[in-house]
């Protein structure tokens, strides 16, 4: 094997190894992104019910205890696109809060709820301190106002 053949072999070997490293890094980044997408809410317990309260006074307005709806809503929120609202000027807070509660009545998560969709970069009805969820899904409850 001549010197030029050895150089070409080593060069091709480095290129092959480099390609595998780049692919491995991209795959790793992709897997991290996929894992982050399915945990918007970070609820790790069973949700028994969702209490609906007014935003300002936290007066109880109603309760949702339909397990199928609760599970579907959690799945939809976990899979929804989100958009940061840090730089946005809100004209007002949502009129309602949804309190996700476990079997012991402890609050696992709080979300603001708009009865109709709002547009803040993406269209959605669910909001928390610094982000809006790109989900339009009515809750099964008749509001009195």
C-alpha atoms as a PDB file:
ATOM      1  CA  UNK A   1       0.000   0.000   0.000  1.00  0.00           C
ATOM      2  CA  UNK A   2       1.457   3.316  -1.007  1.00  0.00           C
ATOM      3  CA  UNK A   3       1.519   6.443   1.140  1.00  0.00           C
ATOM      4  CA  UNK A   4      -1.224   8.182  -0.892  1.00  0.00           C
ATOM      5  CA  UNK A   5      -3.489   5.124  -0.579  1.00  0.00           C
ATOM      6  CA  UNK A   6      -2.972   5.139   3.204  1.00  0.00           C
ATOM      7  CA  UNK A   7      -3.875   8.847   3.358  1.00  0.00           C
ATOM      8  CA  UNK A   8      -7.047   8.271   1.334  1.00  0.00           C
ATOM      9  CA  UNK A   9      -7.992   5.325   3.539  1.00  0.00           C
ATOM     10  CA  UNK A  10      -7.476   7.328   6.749  1.00  0.00           C
ATOM     11  CA  UNK A  11      -9.372  10.298   5.300  1.00  0.00           C
ATOM     12  CA  UNK A  12     -12.321   8.111   4.353  1.00  0.00           C
ATOM     13  CA  UNK A  13     -12.210   6.468   7.788  1.00  0.00           C
ATOM     14  CA  UNK A  14     -12.352   9.892   9.509  1.00  0.00           C
ATOM     15  CA  UNK A  15     -15.227  10.983   7.272  1.00  0.00           C
ATOM     16  CA  UNK A  16     -17.152   7.774   8.048  1.00  0.00           C
ATOM     17  CA  UNK A  17     -16.598   8.108  11.791  1.00  0.00           C
ATOM     18  CA  UNK A  18     -17.536  11.797  11.664  1.00  0.00           C
ATOM     19  CA  UNK A  19     -20.740  10.980   9.789  1.00  0.00           C
ATOM     20  CA  UNK A  20     -21.738   8.416  12.412  1.00  0.00           C
ATOM     21  CA  UNK A  21     -21.064  10.912  15.204  1.00  0.00           C
ATOM     22  CA  UNK A  22     -23.174  13.604  13.495  1.00  0.00           C
ATOM     23  CA  UNK A  23     -26.037  11.137  12.961  1.00  0.00           C
ATOM     24  CA  UNK A  24     -25.817   9.996  16.599  1.00  0.00           C
ATOM     25  CA  UNK A  25     -25.925  13.600  17.867  1.00  0.00           C
ATOM     26  CA  UNK A  26     -28.912  14.456  15.658  1.00  0.00           C
ATOM     27  CA  UNK A  27     -30.741  11.319  16.804  1.00  0.00           C
ATOM     28  CA  UNK A  28     -30.034  12.196  20.431  1.00  0.00           C
ATOM     29  CA  UNK A  29     -31.393  15.751  19.955  1.00  0.00           C
ATOM     30  CA  UNK A  30     -34.479  14.387  18.179  1.00  0.00           C
ATOM     31  CA  UNK A  31     -35.198  11.942  21.018  1.00  0.00           C
ATOM     32  CA  UNK A  32     -34.883  14.687  23.610  1.00  0.00           C
ATOM     33  CA  UNK A  33     -37.322  16.876  21.661  1.00  0.00           C
ATOM     34  CA  UNK A  34     -39.840  14.028  21.298  1.00  0.00           C
ATOM     35  CA  UNK A  35     -39.676  13.253  25.025  1.00  0.00           C
ATOM     36  CA  UNK A  36     -40.268  16.899  25.910  1.00  0.00           C
ATOM     37  CA  UNK A  37     -43.325  17.192  23.684  1.00  0.00           C
ATOM     38  CA  UNK A  38     -45.419  14.707  25.596  1.00  0.00           C
ATOM     39  CA  UNK A  39     -45.101  16.308  29.020  1.00  0.00           C
ATOM     40  CA  UNK A  40     -46.509  19.826  28.828  1.00  0.00           C
ATOM     41  CA  UNK A  41     -48.479  19.412  32.047  1.00  0.00           C
ATOM     42  CA  UNK A  42     -46.071  17.263  34.078  1.00  0.00           C
ATOM     43  CA  UNK A  43     -48.943  15.493  35.830  1.00  0.00           C
ATOM     44  CA  UNK A  44     -47.718  12.175  37.174  1.00  0.00           C
ATOM     45  CA  UNK A  45     -50.811  11.118  39.128  1.00  0.00           C
ATOM     46  CA  UNK A  46     -54.319  10.105  38.183  1.00  0.00           C
ATOM     47  CA  UNK A  47     -56.620  13.126  37.869  1.00  0.00           C
ATOM     48  CA  UNK A  48     -59.967  12.422  39.543  1.00  0.00           C
ATOM     49  CA  UNK A  49     -61.697  15.687  38.691  1.00  0.00           C
ATOM     50  CA  UNK A  50     -61.280  19.163  37.285  1.00  0.00           C
ATOM     51  CA  UNK A  51     -62.739  21.956  39.368  1.00  0.00           C
ATOM     52  CA  UNK A  52     -63.789  25.086  37.471  1.00  0.00           C
ATOM     53  CA  UNK A  53     -63.361  28.339  39.405  1.00  0.00           C
ATOM     54  CA  UNK A  54     -63.489  32.015  38.484  1.00  0.00           C
ATOM     55  CA  UNK A  55     -60.086  33.570  37.829  1.00  0.00           C
ATOM     56  CA  UNK A  56     -60.322  36.503  40.217  1.00  0.00           C
ATOM     57  CA  UNK A  57     -62.262  35.181  43.208  1.00  0.00           C
ATOM     58  CA  UNK A  58     -61.700  31.428  42.771  1.00  0.00           C
ATOM     59  CA  UNK A  59     -65.418  30.934  43.350  1.00  0.00           C
ATOM     60  CA  UNK A  60     -66.455  27.392  42.449  1.00  0.00           C
ATOM     61  CA  UNK A  61     -68.411  27.354  39.199  1.00  0.00           C
ATOM     62  CA  UNK A  62     -68.540  23.638  38.524  1.00  0.00           C
ATOM     63  CA  UNK A  63     -66.827  20.286  38.370  1.00  0.00           C
ATOM     64  CA  UNK A  64     -65.845  17.862  35.617  1.00  0.00           C
ATOM     65  CA  UNK A  65     -65.540  14.222  36.686  1.00  0.00           C
ATOM     66  CA  UNK A  66     -65.893  12.490  33.311  1.00  0.00           C
ATOM     67  CA  UNK A  67     -62.767  10.269  33.300  1.00  0.00           C
ATOM     68  CA  UNK A  68     -62.749   9.855  29.530  1.00  0.00           C
ATOM     69  CA  UNK A  69     -62.911  13.609  28.911  1.00  0.00           C
ATOM     70  CA  UNK A  70     -60.274  14.317  31.570  1.00  0.00           C
ATOM     71  CA  UNK A  71     -57.854  11.776  30.080  1.00  0.00           C
ATOM     72  CA  UNK A  72     -58.463  13.038  26.531  1.00  0.00           C
ATOM     73  CA  UNK A  73     -57.938  16.659  27.628  1.00  0.00           C
ATOM     74  CA  UNK A  74     -54.672  15.797  29.387  1.00  0.00           C
ATOM     75  CA  UNK A  75     -53.452  13.867  26.331  1.00  0.00           C
ATOM     76  CA  UNK A  76     -54.453  16.718  24.011  1.00  0.00           C
ATOM     77  CA  UNK A  77     -52.716  19.314  26.195  1.00  0.00           C
ATOM     78  CA  UNK A  78     -49.584  17.188  26.477  1.00  0.00           C
ATOM     79  CA  UNK A  79     -49.443  16.887  22.698  1.00  0.00           C
ATOM     80  CA  UNK A  80     -50.408  20.490  21.922  1.00  0.00           C
ATOM     81  CA  UNK A  81     -48.007  23.051  20.538  1.00  0.00           C
ATOM     82  CA  UNK A  82     -47.244  25.800  23.009  1.00  0.00           C
ATOM     83  CA  UNK A  83     -46.138  29.376  22.588  1.00  0.00           C
ATOM     84  CA  UNK A  84     -44.421  31.543  25.169  1.00  0.00           C
ATOM     85  CA  UNK A  85     -46.484  34.535  26.259  1.00  0.00           C
ATOM     86  CA  UNK A  86     -43.602  36.202  28.120  1.00  0.00           C
ATOM     87  CA  UNK A  87     -43.237  39.038  25.595  1.00  0.00           C
ATOM     88  CA  UNK A  88     -46.948  39.423  24.885  1.00  0.00           C
ATOM     89  CA  UNK A  89     -49.183  42.025  26.503  1.00  0.00           C
ATOM     90  CA  UNK A  90     -52.322  40.273  27.702  1.00  0.00           C
ATOM     91  CA  UNK A  91     -55.514  42.323  27.551  1.00  0.00           C
ATOM     92  CA  UNK A  92     -56.833  40.336  30.490  1.00  0.00           C
ATOM     93  CA  UNK A  93     -56.611  37.036  32.226  1.00  0.00           C
ATOM     94  CA  UNK A  94     -58.848  34.109  31.322  1.00  0.00           C
ATOM     95  CA  UNK A  95     -62.206  34.264  33.086  1.00  0.00           C
ATOM     96  CA  UNK A  96     -61.765  30.769  34.560  1.00  0.00           C
ATOM     97  CA  UNK A  97     -59.191  28.456  36.105  1.00  0.00           C
ATOM     98  CA  UNK A  98     -59.215  24.707  35.748  1.00  0.00           C
ATOM     99  CA  UNK A  99     -57.879  22.935  38.835  1.00  0.00           C
ATOM    100  CA  UNK A 100     -56.744  19.377  38.101  1.00  0.00           C
ATOM    101  CA  UNK A 101     -57.196  17.383  41.331  1.00  0.00           C
ATOM    102  CA  UNK A 102     -56.142  13.913  42.448  1.00  0.00           C
ATOM    103  CA  UNK A 103     -58.153  11.423  44.548  1.00  0.00           C
ATOM    104  CA  UNK A 104     -57.210  13.255  47.766  1.00  0.00           C
ATOM    105  CA  UNK A 105     -58.439  16.606  46.437  1.00  0.00           C
ATOM    106  CA  UNK A 106     -54.911  17.999  46.065  1.00  0.00           C
ATOM    107  CA  UNK A 107     -54.366  20.351  43.138  1.00  0.00           C
ATOM    108  CA  UNK A 108     -51.934  18.806  40.655  1.00  0.00           C
ATOM    109  CA  UNK A 109     -52.049  21.566  38.041  1.00  0.00           C
ATOM    110  CA  UNK A 110     -53.771  24.892  37.306  1.00  0.00           C
ATOM    111  CA  UNK A 111     -54.652  26.265  33.885  1.00  0.00           C
ATOM    112  CA  UNK A 112     -56.456  29.368  32.750  1.00  0.00           C
ATOM    113  CA  UNK A 113     -59.420  28.715  30.476  1.00  0.00           C
ATOM    114  CA  UNK A 114     -60.980  30.987  27.856  1.00  0.00           C
ATOM    115  CA  UNK A 115     -64.531  29.986  26.812  1.00  0.00           C
ATOM    116  CA  UNK A 116     -63.691  30.853  23.225  1.00  0.00           C
ATOM    117  CA  UNK A 117     -60.444  30.642  21.362  1.00  0.00           C
ATOM    118  CA  UNK A 118     -57.950  33.506  21.585  1.00  0.00           C
ATOM    119  CA  UNK A 119     -55.202  34.273  19.133  1.00  0.00           C
ATOM    120  CA  UNK A 120     -51.781  34.918  20.646  1.00  0.00           C
ATOM    121  CA  UNK A 121     -49.481  33.706  17.903  1.00  0.00           C
ATOM    122  CA  UNK A 122     -51.376  30.408  17.983  1.00  0.00           C
ATOM    123  CA  UNK A 123     -55.039  29.820  18.585  1.00  0.00           C
ATOM    124  CA  UNK A 124     -56.005  28.261  21.895  1.00  0.00           C
ATOM    125  CA  UNK A 125     -58.214  28.278  24.975  1.00  0.00           C
ATOM    126  CA  UNK A 126     -55.802  27.065  27.659  1.00  0.00           C
ATOM    127  CA  UNK A 127     -53.183  29.302  29.294  1.00  0.00           C
ATOM    128  CA  UNK A 128     -50.745  29.198  32.152  1.00  0.00           C
ATOM    129  CA  UNK A 129     -48.290  31.719  33.568  1.00  0.00           C
ATOM    130  CA  UNK A 130     -45.967  31.927  30.582  1.00  0.00           C
ATOM    131  CA  UNK A 131     -47.482  29.956  27.718  1.00  0.00           C
ATOM    132  CA  UNK A 132     -50.615  29.311  25.742  1.00  0.00           C
ATOM    133  CA  UNK A 133     -51.529  25.865  24.459  1.00  0.00           C
ATOM    134  CA  UNK A 134     -52.469  25.565  20.792  1.00  0.00           C
ATOM    135  CA  UNK A 135     -55.607  23.622  21.622  1.00  0.00           C
ATOM    136  CA  UNK A 136     -59.219  24.496  20.954  1.00  0.00           C
ATOM    137  CA  UNK A 137     -61.397  22.110  22.951  1.00  0.00           C
ATOM    138  CA  UNK A 138     -64.623  23.029  24.692  1.00  0.00           C
ATOM    139  CA  UNK A 139     -65.104  21.634  28.167  1.00  0.00           C
ATOM    140  CA  UNK A 140     -68.383  19.813  28.845  1.00  0.00           C
ATOM    141  CA  UNK A 141     -69.897  22.466  31.084  1.00  0.00           C
ATOM    142  CA  UNK A 142     -72.645  25.064  30.692  1.00  0.00           C
ATOM    143  CA  UNK A 143     -71.466  28.464  31.942  1.00  0.00           C
ATOM    144  CA  UNK A 144     -74.182  30.733  33.381  1.00  0.00           C
ATOM    145  CA  UNK A 145     -72.806  34.015  31.975  1.00  0.00           C
END
